[in-house]
Amino acid sequence: MLIDRAAVVARLAAAGCVAPDEEADALLAAGPDDATLAAWLRRREDGEPLAWLTGTTTFAGRALHVAPGTYVPRPRTEDLARRAAGALPPGGRAADLCTGVGAVAAALRAAVPSATVVGTDRDPVAAACARRNGVATVVADLAAPLGGDGAWDVVTAVCPYVPTGEVAFLPRDVQRHEPRPALDGGPDGLAVARRVVGAAARLLRPGGRLLLELGGHQDEALARDLAAAGFTAAEPWHDDDGDLRGLTARRTA
């Protein structure tokens, strides 16, 4: 290619990319020709996610297919995937609601190969990505097609949890490009999470685990809903800065 790496790094840095060297290498490796690379570079400067351009992202050490318009999995979600894998027994059953491109579900399949892992998502484009990433995925609203037999071991969900009034405070590029339905969780950020709790209560066996990604003080706000749905032993987890990242709760008998 005729496009100089140093020039690409400089343009990405000027656009505010936090890792311009790594992004430049990813674009140069994936770009089939100079014209495509030049177009990608302009789109990246405009804030489009790198994964939309290259078609892949890395999650839990594995490459995932990502399509333009889909939510790009975040590294912070890897902690939820690890915790869910620890709760999923060999030969068990896991449902990943709001699976998106299937990041969590694919990680569970890799960690517990003998388990049955199914994802659901309302977005057919995201569901197609999840299938390409090796996840059996149904285009559906939460757990509607999975029944309520109370025989699942683990339910996971990275559902939208940003309060509507706080979406405007997200990074400009996220607001401009990433799908709002994957971000906006309603007035308190828990509109979808509350529905996930109800769906998980119908899916999970006694002792089964629900794992949700959350933020702020949403673990406290969700406590009453969890108790009413028959969950106990809710345990939040936090990142190294002390910020809430999610919670796990156990389904009682």
C-alpha atoms as a PDB file:
ATOM      1  CA  MET A   1       0.000   0.000   0.000  1.00  0.00           C
ATOM      2  CA  LEU A   2       1.066   3.551  -0.671  1.00  0.00           C
ATOM      3  CA  ILE A   3      -0.508   5.013   2.476  1.00  0.00           C
ATOM      4  CA  ASP A   4       2.184   5.623   5.080  1.00  0.00           C
ATOM      5  CA  ARG A   5       1.682   4.114   8.543  1.00  0.00           C
ATOM      6  CA  ALA A   6       3.086   7.175  10.277  1.00  0.00           C
ATOM      7  CA  ALA A   7       0.572   9.377   8.470  1.00  0.00           C
ATOM      8  CA  VAL A   8      -2.282   7.087   9.520  1.00  0.00           C
ATOM      9  CA  VAL A   9      -1.117   7.152  13.149  1.00  0.00           C
ATOM     10  CA  ALA A  10      -0.870  10.944  13.055  1.00  0.00           C
ATOM     11  CA  ARG A  11      -4.368  11.374  11.656  1.00  0.00           C
ATOM     12  CA  LEU A  12      -5.885   8.982  14.184  1.00  0.00           C
ATOM     13  CA  ALA A  13      -4.097  10.722  17.041  1.00  0.00           C
ATOM     14  CA  ALA A  14      -5.324  14.103  15.805  1.00  0.00           C
ATOM     15  CA  ALA A  15      -8.876  12.701  15.718  1.00  0.00           C
ATOM     16  CA  GLY A  16      -8.608  11.795  19.396  1.00  0.00           C
ATOM     17  CA  CYS A  17      -8.144   8.027  19.172  1.00  0.00           C
ATOM     18  CA  VAL A  18      -6.671   6.761  22.435  1.00  0.00           C
ATOM     19  CA  ALA A  19      -4.562   4.021  20.801  1.00  0.00           C
ATOM     20  CA  PRO A  20      -3.630   5.392  17.363  1.00  0.00           C
ATOM     21  CA  ASP A  21      -0.731   2.987  16.794  1.00  0.00           C
ATOM     22  CA  GLU A  22      -2.844  -0.096  17.455  1.00  0.00           C
ATOM     23  CA  GLU A  23      -5.739   1.233  15.407  1.00  0.00           C
ATOM     24  CA  ALA A  24      -3.447   2.115  12.514  1.00  0.00           C
ATOM     25  CA  ASP A  25      -2.070  -1.415  12.466  1.00  0.00           C
ATOM     26  CA  ALA A  26      -5.601  -2.863  12.523  1.00  0.00           C
ATOM     27  CA  LEU A  27      -6.730  -0.685   9.620  1.00  0.00           C
ATOM     28  CA  LEU A  28      -3.614  -1.378   7.572  1.00  0.00           C
ATOM     29  CA  ALA A  29      -3.951  -5.129   8.158  1.00  0.00           C
ATOM     30  CA  ALA A  30      -7.628  -5.250   7.201  1.00  0.00           C
ATOM     31  CA  GLY A  31      -7.717  -2.707   4.380  1.00  0.00           C
ATOM     32  CA  PRO A  32      -7.674  -4.502   1.000  1.00  0.00           C
ATOM     33  CA  ASP A  33      -6.434  -1.465  -0.960  1.00  0.00           C
ATOM     34  CA  ASP A  34      -5.509   2.192  -0.609  1.00  0.00           C
ATOM     35  CA  ALA A  35      -8.940   3.492  -1.646  1.00  0.00           C
ATOM     36  CA  THR A  36     -10.707   1.409   0.977  1.00  0.00           C
ATOM     37  CA  LEU A  37      -8.179   2.318   3.638  1.00  0.00           C
ATOM     38  CA  ALA A  38      -8.539   6.024   2.837  1.00  0.00           C
ATOM     39  CA  ALA A  39     -12.335   5.752   3.153  1.00  0.00           C
ATOM     40  CA  TRP A  40     -12.038   3.838   6.428  1.00  0.00           C
ATOM     41  CA  LEU A  41      -9.649   6.422   7.802  1.00  0.00           C
ATOM     42  CA  ARG A  42     -12.089   9.235   7.050  1.00  0.00           C
ATOM     43  CA  ARG A  43     -14.905   7.291   8.704  1.00  0.00           C
ATOM     44  CA  ARG A  44     -12.764   6.555  11.760  1.00  0.00           C
ATOM     45  CA  GLU A  45     -11.861  10.232  12.015  1.00  0.00           C
ATOM     46  CA  ASP A  46     -15.605  10.903  12.029  1.00  0.00           C
ATOM     47  CA  GLY A  47     -15.957   8.597  15.038  1.00  0.00           C
ATOM     48  CA  GLU A  48     -17.250   5.322  13.594  1.00  0.00           C
ATOM     49  CA  PRO A  49     -16.194   2.358  15.727  1.00  0.00           C
ATOM     50  CA  LEU A  50     -13.026   0.688  14.501  1.00  0.00           C
ATOM     51  CA  ALA A  51     -14.767  -2.701  14.626  1.00  0.00           C
ATOM     52  CA  TRP A  52     -17.382  -1.549  12.109  1.00  0.00           C
ATOM     53  CA  LEU A  53     -14.596  -0.849   9.636  1.00  0.00           C
ATOM     54  CA  THR A  54     -12.423  -3.922  10.114  1.00  0.00           C
ATOM     55  CA  GLY A  55     -15.394  -6.224  10.745  1.00  0.00           C
ATOM     56  CA  THR A  56     -13.903  -7.727  13.905  1.00  0.00           C
ATOM     57  CA  THR A  57     -13.229  -7.012  17.543  1.00  0.00           C
ATOM     58  CA  THR A  58     -11.529  -8.978  20.307  1.00  0.00           C
ATOM     59  CA  PHE A  59     -13.429 -10.190  23.367  1.00  0.00           C
ATOM     60  CA  ALA A  60     -12.056 -12.521  26.025  1.00  0.00           C
ATOM     61  CA  GLY A  61      -9.078 -13.238  23.788  1.00  0.00           C
ATOM     62  CA  ARG A  62     -11.178 -14.267  20.777  1.00  0.00           C
ATOM     63  CA  ALA A  63     -11.944 -12.536  17.511  1.00  0.00           C
ATOM     64  CA  LEU A  64     -15.615 -11.751  16.953  1.00  0.00           C
ATOM     65  CA  HIS A  65     -17.394 -10.716  13.778  1.00  0.00           C
ATOM     66  CA  VAL A  66     -19.054  -7.288  14.071  1.00  0.00           C
ATOM     67  CA  ALA A  67     -21.284  -5.571  11.509  1.00  0.00           C
ATOM     68  CA  PRO A  68     -21.864  -1.839  11.061  1.00  0.00           C
ATOM     69  CA  GLY A  69     -24.749  -0.634  13.190  1.00  0.00           C
ATOM     70  CA  THR A  70     -24.318  -3.231  15.931  1.00  0.00           C
ATOM     71  CA  TYR A  71     -23.207  -2.615  19.505  1.00  0.00           C
ATOM     72  CA  VAL A  72     -19.485  -3.276  19.906  1.00  0.00           C
ATOM     73  CA  PRO A  73     -18.729  -5.445  22.983  1.00  0.00           C
ATOM     74  CA  ARG A  74     -16.679  -3.686  25.662  1.00  0.00           C
ATOM     75  CA  PRO A  75     -13.726  -5.158  27.573  1.00  0.00           C
ATOM     76  CA  ARG A  76     -15.534  -4.454  30.865  1.00  0.00           C
ATOM     77  CA  THR A  77     -18.082  -7.118  29.959  1.00  0.00           C
ATOM     78  CA  GLU A  78     -15.390  -9.813  30.005  1.00  0.00           C
ATOM     79  CA  ASP A  79     -15.702  -9.931  33.800  1.00  0.00           C
ATOM     80  CA  LEU A  80     -19.385 -10.859  33.501  1.00  0.00           C
ATOM     81  CA  ALA A  81     -18.499 -13.588  31.006  1.00  0.00           C
ATOM     82  CA  ARG A  82     -15.870 -15.050  33.334  1.00  0.00           C
ATOM     83  CA  ARG A  83     -18.244 -15.060  36.275  1.00  0.00           C
ATOM     84  CA  ALA A  84     -20.999 -16.656  34.222  1.00  0.00           C
ATOM     85  CA  ALA A  85     -18.631 -19.360  33.000  1.00  0.00           C
ATOM     86  CA  GLY A  86     -17.800 -20.164  36.610  1.00  0.00           C
ATOM     87  CA  ALA A  87     -21.501 -20.622  37.381  1.00  0.00           C
ATOM     88  CA  LEU A  88     -22.246 -22.809  34.338  1.00  0.00           C
ATOM     89  CA  PRO A  89     -21.782 -26.539  35.046  1.00  0.00           C
ATOM     90  CA  PRO A  90     -20.559 -28.998  32.397  1.00  0.00           C
ATOM     91  CA  GLY A  91     -23.534 -30.021  30.295  1.00  0.00           C
ATOM     92  CA  GLY A  92     -25.550 -27.109  31.684  1.00  0.00           C
ATOM     93  CA  ARG A  93     -27.819 -24.623  29.936  1.00  0.00           C
ATOM     94  CA  ALA A  94     -27.229 -20.885  29.580  1.00  0.00           C
ATOM     95  CA  ALA A  95     -29.405 -18.193  28.003  1.00  0.00           C
ATOM     96  CA  ASP A  96     -27.776 -14.917  26.982  1.00  0.00           C
ATOM     97  CA  LEU A  97     -30.532 -12.319  26.592  1.00  0.00           C
ATOM     98  CA  CYS A  98     -29.770  -9.160  24.571  1.00  0.00           C
ATOM     99  CA  THR A  99     -26.855 -11.151  23.171  1.00  0.00           C
ATOM    100  CA  GLY A 100     -25.922  -8.607  20.499  1.00  0.00           C
ATOM    101  CA  VAL A 101     -23.111 -10.065  18.396  1.00  0.00           C
ATOM    102  CA  GLY A 102     -22.872 -12.946  20.879  1.00  0.00           C
ATOM    103  CA  ALA A 103     -19.777 -11.925  22.830  1.00  0.00           C
ATOM    104  CA  VAL A 104     -20.804 -13.332  26.219  1.00  0.00           C
ATOM    105  CA  ALA A 105     -22.464 -16.402  24.725  1.00  0.00           C
ATOM    106  CA  ALA A 106     -19.403 -17.207  22.592  1.00  0.00           C
ATOM    107  CA  ALA A 107     -17.181 -16.892  25.655  1.00  0.00           C
ATOM    108  CA  LEU A 108     -19.446 -19.291  27.559  1.00  0.00           C
ATOM    109  CA  ARG A 109     -19.356 -21.826  24.714  1.00  0.00           C
ATOM    110  CA  ALA A 110     -15.563 -21.668  24.678  1.00  0.00           C
ATOM    111  CA  ALA A 111     -15.273 -21.973  28.461  1.00  0.00           C
ATOM    112  CA  VAL A 112     -17.819 -24.808  28.854  1.00  0.00           C
ATOM    113  CA  PRO A 113     -17.923 -26.667  25.513  1.00  0.00           C
ATOM    114  CA  SER A 114     -20.370 -29.304  26.770  1.00  0.00           C
ATOM    115  CA  ALA A 115     -22.965 -26.694  27.763  1.00  0.00           C
ATOM    116  CA  THR A 116     -25.952 -25.586  25.692  1.00  0.00           C
ATOM    117  CA  VAL A 117     -25.761 -21.836  25.135  1.00  0.00           C
ATOM    118  CA  VAL A 118     -28.524 -19.896  23.369  1.00  0.00           C
ATOM    119  CA  GLY A 119     -28.683 -16.180  22.632  1.00  0.00           C
ATOM    120  CA  THR A 120     -31.623 -13.913  21.860  1.00  0.00           C
ATOM    121  CA  ASP A 121     -31.706 -10.424  20.398  1.00  0.00           C
ATOM    122  CA  ARG A 122     -34.307  -8.228  18.744  1.00  0.00           C
ATOM    123  CA  ASP A 123     -31.834  -6.950  16.120  1.00  0.00           C
ATOM    124  CA  PRO A 124     -31.600  -9.370  13.174  1.00  0.00           C
ATOM    125  CA  VAL A 125     -28.243  -7.930  12.081  1.00  0.00           C
ATOM    126  CA  ALA A 126     -26.735  -8.492  15.508  1.00  0.00           C
ATOM    127  CA  ALA A 127     -28.282 -11.963  15.668  1.00  0.00           C
ATOM    128  CA  ALA A 128     -26.695 -12.826  12.320  1.00  0.00           C
ATOM    129  CA  CYS A 129     -23.319 -11.753  13.716  1.00  0.00           C
ATOM    130  CA  ALA A 130     -23.863 -13.906  16.790  1.00  0.00           C
ATOM    131  CA  ARG A 131     -24.588 -16.932  14.607  1.00  0.00           C
ATOM    132  CA  ARG A 132     -21.438 -16.238  12.605  1.00  0.00           C
ATOM    133  CA  ASN A 133     -19.622 -16.155  15.947  1.00  0.00           C
ATOM    134  CA  GLY A 134     -20.840 -19.687  16.657  1.00  0.00           C
ATOM    135  CA  VAL A 135     -23.813 -18.874  18.897  1.00  0.00           C
ATOM    136  CA  ALA A 136     -27.248 -20.437  18.390  1.00  0.00           C
ATOM    137  CA  THR A 137     -29.318 -17.255  18.295  1.00  0.00           C
ATOM    138  CA  VAL A 138     -33.013 -16.471  17.995  1.00  0.00           C
ATOM    139  CA  VAL A 139     -34.352 -13.104  16.840  1.00  0.00           C
ATOM    140  CA  ALA A 140     -36.750 -12.402  19.684  1.00  0.00           C
ATOM    141  CA  ASP A 141     -37.657 -10.129  22.554  1.00  0.00           C
ATOM    142  CA  LEU A 142     -35.728 -11.463  25.555  1.00  0.00           C
ATOM    143  CA  ALA A 143     -36.758 -15.007  26.546  1.00  0.00           C
ATOM    144  CA  ALA A 144     -40.044 -15.289  24.617  1.00  0.00           C
ATOM    145  CA  PRO A 145     -39.021 -18.331  22.515  1.00  0.00           C
ATOM    146  CA  LEU A 146     -37.161 -20.123  25.317  1.00  0.00           C
ATOM    147  CA  GLY A 147     -40.196 -21.054  27.380  1.00  0.00           C
ATOM    148  CA  GLY A 148     -40.334 -20.953  31.145  1.00  0.00           C
ATOM    149  CA  ASP A 149     -39.495 -24.476  32.192  1.00  0.00           C
ATOM    150  CA  GLY A 150     -37.242 -23.497  35.075  1.00  0.00           C
ATOM    151  CA  ALA A 151     -34.460 -25.723  33.796  1.00  0.00           C
ATOM    152  CA  TRP A 152     -31.732 -23.238  32.858  1.00  0.00           C
ATOM    153  CA  ASP A 153     -28.586 -22.918  34.947  1.00  0.00           C
ATOM    154  CA  VAL A 154     -27.429 -19.437  33.977  1.00  0.00           C
ATOM    155  CA  VAL A 155     -29.059 -16.349  32.467  1.00  0.00           C
ATOM    156  CA  THR A 156     -26.879 -13.441  31.394  1.00  0.00           C
ATOM    157  CA  ALA A 157     -27.783 -10.047  29.966  1.00  0.00           C
ATOM    158  CA  VAL A 158     -25.907  -6.951  28.906  1.00  0.00           C
ATOM    159  CA  CYS A 159     -29.086  -4.984  28.307  1.00  0.00           C
ATOM    160  CA  PRO A 160     -29.282  -1.200  27.860  1.00  0.00           C
ATOM    161  CA  TYR A 161     -28.786   0.403  31.274  1.00  0.00           C
ATOM    162  CA  VAL A 162     -27.889   4.051  30.670  1.00  0.00           C
ATOM    163  CA  PRO A 163     -30.649   6.327  32.043  1.00  0.00           C
ATOM    164  CA  THR A 164     -32.273   8.295  29.234  1.00  0.00           C
ATOM    165  CA  GLY A 165     -31.187  11.609  30.759  1.00  0.00           C
ATOM    166  CA  GLU A 166     -27.555  10.488  30.836  1.00  0.00           C
ATOM    167  CA  VAL A 167     -27.257   9.367  27.224  1.00  0.00           C
ATOM    168  CA  ALA A 168     -26.334  12.947  26.323  1.00  0.00           C
ATOM    169  CA  PHE A 169     -23.250  12.646  28.553  1.00  0.00           C
ATOM    170  CA  LEU A 170     -21.843   9.622  26.720  1.00  0.00           C
ATOM    171  CA  PRO A 171     -18.857  10.250  24.428  1.00  0.00           C
ATOM    172  CA  ARG A 172     -19.854  12.154  21.307  1.00  0.00           C
ATOM    173  CA  ASP A 173     -18.857   9.332  18.981  1.00  0.00           C
ATOM    174  CA  VAL A 174     -20.977   6.829  20.910  1.00  0.00           C
ATOM    175  CA  GLN A 175     -24.005   9.108  20.694  1.00  0.00           C
ATOM    176  CA  ARG A 176     -23.550   9.726  16.983  1.00  0.00           C
ATOM    177  CA  HIS A 177     -22.896   6.202  15.812  1.00  0.00           C
ATOM    178  CA  GLU A 178     -23.796   3.389  18.194  1.00  0.00           C
ATOM    179  CA  PRO A 179     -27.369   2.059  18.285  1.00  0.00           C
ATOM    180  CA  ARG A 180     -29.394   3.951  20.883  1.00  0.00           C
ATOM    181  CA  PRO A 181     -31.634   0.948  21.704  1.00  0.00           C
ATOM    182  CA  ALA A 182     -28.501  -0.835  22.948  1.00  0.00           C
ATOM    183  CA  LEU A 183     -27.693   2.056  25.301  1.00  0.00           C
ATOM    184  CA  ASP A 184     -30.878   3.766  26.519  1.00  0.00           C
ATOM    185  CA  GLY A 185     -32.401   1.881  29.451  1.00  0.00           C
ATOM    186  CA  GLY A 186     -35.293   4.237  30.131  1.00  0.00           C
ATOM    187  CA  PRO A 187     -35.768   6.872  32.871  1.00  0.00           C
ATOM    188  CA  ASP A 188     -33.689   5.085  35.518  1.00  0.00           C
ATOM    189  CA  GLY A 189     -31.794   2.803  33.156  1.00  0.00           C
ATOM    190  CA  LEU A 190     -33.573  -0.314  34.410  1.00  0.00           C
ATOM    191  CA  ALA A 191     -36.597  -0.627  32.117  1.00  0.00           C
ATOM    192  CA  VAL A 192     -35.164  -3.607  30.260  1.00  0.00           C
ATOM    193  CA  ALA A 193     -33.274  -4.996  33.257  1.00  0.00           C
ATOM    194  CA  ARG A 194     -36.535  -5.370  35.189  1.00  0.00           C
ATOM    195  CA  ARG A 195     -37.988  -7.381  32.317  1.00  0.00           C
ATOM    196  CA  VAL A 196     -34.834  -9.508  32.251  1.00  0.00           C
ATOM    197  CA  VAL A 197     -35.301 -10.258  35.961  1.00  0.00           C
ATOM    198  CA  GLY A 198     -38.839 -11.469  35.296  1.00  0.00           C
ATOM    199  CA  ALA A 199     -37.758 -13.571  32.332  1.00  0.00           C
ATOM    200  CA  ALA A 200     -34.855 -15.079  34.278  1.00  0.00           C
ATOM    201  CA  ALA A 201     -37.181 -16.035  37.137  1.00  0.00           C
ATOM    202  CA  ARG A 202     -39.169 -18.168  34.702  1.00  0.00           C
ATOM    203  CA  LEU A 203     -36.128 -19.694  33.015  1.00  0.00           C
ATOM    204  CA  LEU A 204     -33.833 -20.552  35.901  1.00  0.00           C
ATOM    205  CA  ARG A 205     -33.871 -23.720  37.981  1.00  0.00           C
ATOM    206  CA  PRO A 206     -33.724 -23.331  41.768  1.00  0.00           C
ATOM    207  CA  GLY A 207     -30.175 -22.305  42.541  1.00  0.00           C
ATOM    208  CA  GLY A 208     -29.597 -21.006  39.012  1.00  0.00           C
ATOM    209  CA  ARG A 209     -27.741 -17.748  38.529  1.00  0.00           C
ATOM    210  CA  LEU A 210     -28.660 -14.442  36.888  1.00  0.00           C
ATOM    211  CA  LEU A 211     -25.818 -12.115  35.890  1.00  0.00           C
ATOM    212  CA  LEU A 212     -26.524  -8.543  34.779  1.00  0.00           C
ATOM    213  CA  GLU A 213     -24.241  -5.721  33.723  1.00  0.00           C
ATOM    214  CA  LEU A 214     -25.193  -2.489  35.543  1.00  0.00           C
ATOM    215  CA  GLY A 215     -23.785   0.872  36.587  1.00  0.00           C
ATOM    216  CA  GLY A 216     -24.170   3.672  39.112  1.00  0.00           C
ATOM    217  CA  HIS A 217     -26.210   2.466  42.087  1.00  0.00           C
ATOM    218  CA  GLN A 218     -28.530   0.303  40.035  1.00  0.00           C
ATOM    219  CA  ASP A 219     -27.912  -2.762  42.176  1.00  0.00           C
ATOM    220  CA  GLU A 220     -29.697  -0.992  45.011  1.00  0.00           C
ATOM    221  CA  ALA A 221     -32.514   0.194  42.749  1.00  0.00           C
ATOM    222  CA  LEU A 222     -33.038  -3.339  41.411  1.00  0.00           C
ATOM    223  CA  ALA A 223     -33.016  -5.064  44.811  1.00  0.00           C
ATOM    224  CA  ARG A 224     -36.792  -4.960  45.313  1.00  0.00           C
ATOM    225  CA  ASP A 225     -37.469  -6.358  41.845  1.00  0.00           C
ATOM    226  CA  LEU A 226     -35.034  -9.217  42.435  1.00  0.00           C
ATOM    227  CA  ALA A 227     -36.596 -10.109  45.767  1.00  0.00           C
ATOM    228  CA  ALA A 228     -40.135  -9.984  44.345  1.00  0.00           C
ATOM    229  CA  ALA A 229     -39.100 -12.315  41.514  1.00  0.00           C
ATOM    230  CA  GLY A 230     -37.639 -14.878  43.913  1.00  0.00           C
ATOM    231  CA  PHE A 231     -33.937 -14.041  43.847  1.00  0.00           C
ATOM    232  CA  THR A 232     -31.644 -13.964  46.846  1.00  0.00           C
ATOM    233  CA  ALA A 233     -27.943 -13.590  47.556  1.00  0.00           C
ATOM    234  CA  ALA A 234     -27.560 -10.664  45.166  1.00  0.00           C
ATOM    235  CA  GLU A 235     -23.874  -9.808  44.944  1.00  0.00           C
ATOM    236  CA  PRO A 236     -22.637  -6.734  43.062  1.00  0.00           C
ATOM    237  CA  TRP A 237     -19.175  -6.521  41.616  1.00  0.00           C
ATOM    238  CA  HIS A 238     -17.051  -3.444  40.953  1.00  0.00           C
ATOM    239  CA  ASP A 239     -14.075  -2.453  38.852  1.00  0.00           C
ATOM    240  CA  ASP A 240     -10.683  -1.345  40.172  1.00  0.00           C
ATOM    241  CA  ASP A 241     -11.991   2.197  40.609  1.00  0.00           C
ATOM    242  CA  GLY A 242     -14.853   1.014  42.792  1.00  0.00           C
ATOM    243  CA  ASP A 243     -17.535   1.600  40.132  1.00  0.00           C
ATOM    244  CA  LEU A 244     -20.411  -0.869  39.909  1.00  0.00           C
ATOM    245  CA  ARG A 245     -20.132  -3.177  36.887  1.00  0.00           C
ATOM    246  CA  GLY A 246     -22.830  -5.762  37.532  1.00  0.00           C
ATOM    247  CA  LEU A 247     -24.493  -8.167  39.880  1.00  0.00           C
ATOM    248  CA  THR A 248     -25.246 -11.846  40.237  1.00  0.00           C
ATOM    249  CA  ALA A 249     -28.292 -13.244  42.026  1.00  0.00           C
ATOM    250  CA  ARG A 250     -29.470 -16.764  42.848  1.00  0.00           C
ATOM    251  CA  ARG A 251     -32.919 -18.118  42.030  1.00  0.00           C
ATOM    252  CA  THR A 252     -34.571 -19.571  45.095  1.00  0.00           C
ATOM    253  CA  ALA A 253     -36.758 -22.678  45.116  1.00  0.00           C
END
